[in-house]
C-alpha atoms as a PDB file:
ATOM      1  CA  MET A   1      47.463 -29.858  34.162  1.00  0.00           C
ATOM      2  CA  LEU A   2      49.278 -30.302  37.471  1.00  0.00           C
ATOM      3  CA  GLU A   3      49.410 -26.536  38.010  1.00  0.00           C
ATOM      4  CA  LYS A   4      45.618 -26.332  37.605  1.00  0.00           C
ATOM      5  CA  ILE A   5      45.173 -29.158  40.098  1.00  0.00           C
ATOM      6  CA  LYS A   6      47.482 -27.414  42.570  1.00  0.00           C
ATOM      7  CA  GLU A   7      45.454 -24.211  42.145  1.00  0.00           C
ATOM      8  CA  GLN A   8      42.208 -26.100  42.738  1.00  0.00           C
ATOM      9  CA  ILE A   9      43.588 -27.686  45.891  1.00  0.00           C
ATOM     10  CA  LYS A  10      44.759 -24.323  47.171  1.00  0.00           C
ATOM     11  CA  SER A  11      41.476 -22.573  46.370  1.00  0.00           C
ATOM     12  CA  SER A  12      39.440 -25.391  47.929  1.00  0.00           C
ATOM     13  CA  GLY A  13      40.958 -24.640  51.326  1.00  0.00           C
ATOM     14  CA  VAL A  14      41.354 -28.367  51.988  1.00  0.00           C
ATOM     15  CA  LYS A  15      44.724 -29.411  53.362  1.00  0.00           C
ATOM     16  CA  GLN A  16      46.853 -31.716  51.246  1.00  0.00           C
ATOM     17  CA  LYS A  17      47.158 -34.045  54.241  1.00  0.00           C
ATOM     18  CA  PHE A  18      43.382 -34.575  54.204  1.00  0.00           C
ATOM     19  CA  ILE A  19      43.371 -35.165  50.441  1.00  0.00           C
ATOM     20  CA  ALA A  20      46.220 -37.661  50.768  1.00  0.00           C
ATOM     21  CA  GLN A  21      44.294 -39.548  53.446  1.00  0.00           C
ATOM     22  CA  HIS A  22      41.243 -39.602  51.160  1.00  0.00           C
ATOM     23  CA  LEU A  23      43.410 -41.116  48.415  1.00  0.00           C
ATOM     24  CA  SER A  24      45.061 -43.585  50.836  1.00  0.00           C
ATOM     25  CA  ILE A  25      48.525 -42.226  50.082  1.00  0.00           C
ATOM     26  CA  SER A  26      51.027 -40.314  52.188  1.00  0.00           C
ATOM     27  CA  PRO A  27      51.158 -36.509  52.067  1.00  0.00           C
ATOM     28  CA  SER A  28      54.721 -36.757  50.719  1.00  0.00           C
ATOM     29  CA  MET A  29      53.504 -39.019  47.897  1.00  0.00           C
ATOM     30  CA  LEU A  30      50.831 -36.463  47.024  1.00  0.00           C
ATOM     31  CA  THR A  31      53.502 -33.763  46.896  1.00  0.00           C
ATOM     32  CA  LEU A  32      55.605 -35.901  44.558  1.00  0.00           C
ATOM     33  CA  VAL A  33      52.574 -36.504  42.331  1.00  0.00           C
ATOM     34  CA  LEU A  34      51.715 -32.794  42.210  1.00  0.00           C
ATOM     35  CA  ASN A  35      55.340 -32.010  41.319  1.00  0.00           C
ATOM     36  CA  GLY A  36      55.251 -34.542  38.479  1.00  0.00           C
ATOM     37  CA  GLU A  37      57.798 -36.834  40.107  1.00  0.00           C
ATOM     38  CA  ARG A  38      55.442 -39.786  40.739  1.00  0.00           C
ATOM     39  CA  LYS A  39      52.295 -41.094  39.094  1.00  0.00           C
ATOM     40  CA  LEU A  40      48.908 -42.075  40.437  1.00  0.00           C
ATOM     41  CA  SER A  41      46.791 -44.948  39.243  1.00  0.00           C
ATOM     42  CA  ASP A  42      43.814 -44.054  37.081  1.00  0.00           C
ATOM     43  CA  GLU A  43      41.556 -44.996  39.983  1.00  0.00           C
ATOM     44  CA  LYS A  44      43.261 -42.530  42.328  1.00  0.00           C
ATOM     45  CA  TRP A  45      43.204 -39.788  39.658  1.00  0.00           C
ATOM     46  CA  ASP A  46      39.455 -40.312  39.305  1.00  0.00           C
ATOM     47  CA  LYS A  47      39.070 -40.155  43.068  1.00  0.00           C
ATOM     48  CA  LEU A  48      41.121 -36.929  43.237  1.00  0.00           C
ATOM     49  CA  MET A  49      39.142 -35.270  40.429  1.00  0.00           C
ATOM     50  CA  THR A  50      35.847 -36.231  42.071  1.00  0.00           C
ATOM     51  CA  PHE A  51      37.072 -34.946  45.432  1.00  0.00           C
ATOM     52  CA  LEU A  52      38.144 -31.593  43.970  1.00  0.00           C
ATOM     53  CA  SER A  53      34.861 -31.242  42.090  1.00  0.00           C
ATOM     54  CA  VAL A  54      32.871 -31.849  45.272  1.00  0.00           C
ATOM     55  CA  ALA A  55      35.076 -29.438  47.260  1.00  0.00           C
ATOM     56  CA  ARG A  56      34.653 -26.732  44.590  1.00  0.00           C
ATOM     57  CA  ASN A  57      30.883 -27.207  44.436  1.00  0.00           C
ATOM     58  CA  TYR A  58      30.623 -27.150  48.232  1.00  0.00           C
ATOM     59  CA  LYS A  59      32.641 -23.931  48.443  1.00  0.00           C
ATOM     60  CA  GLU A  60      30.446 -22.311  45.762  1.00  0.00           C
ATOM     61  CA  LEU A  61      27.325 -23.416  47.605  1.00  0.00           C
ATOM     62  CA  LEU A  62      28.581 -21.910  50.847  1.00  0.00           C
ATOM     63  CA  SER A  63      29.459 -18.617  49.201  1.00  0.00           C
ATOM     64  CA  SER A  64      26.102 -18.404  47.411  1.00  0.00           C
ATOM     65  CA  ASN A  65      24.271 -18.930  50.708  1.00  0.00           C
ATOM     66  CA  ALA A  66      26.355 -16.416  52.627  1.00  0.00           C
ATOM     67  CA  PRO A  67      24.254 -13.679  54.201  1.00  0.00           C
ATOM     68  CA  THR A  68      24.572 -10.315  52.529  1.00  0.00           C
ATOM     69  CA  SER A  69      24.678  -7.122  54.527  1.00  0.00           C
END
């Protein structure tokens, strides 16, 4: 599961620092979580999943509205 989350973060184009700020944790804590070394509360997991879903949907919306040549 963590690998899929890492892939989603990478493909979203959003920096981990920004995501960490959104979760009210440090970037190093986010790294530890993504490496399976620390755990997040259920509330923060929900917040992360919602954030990634919104980022993915936003990116898809942008690409679908991109002008075609």
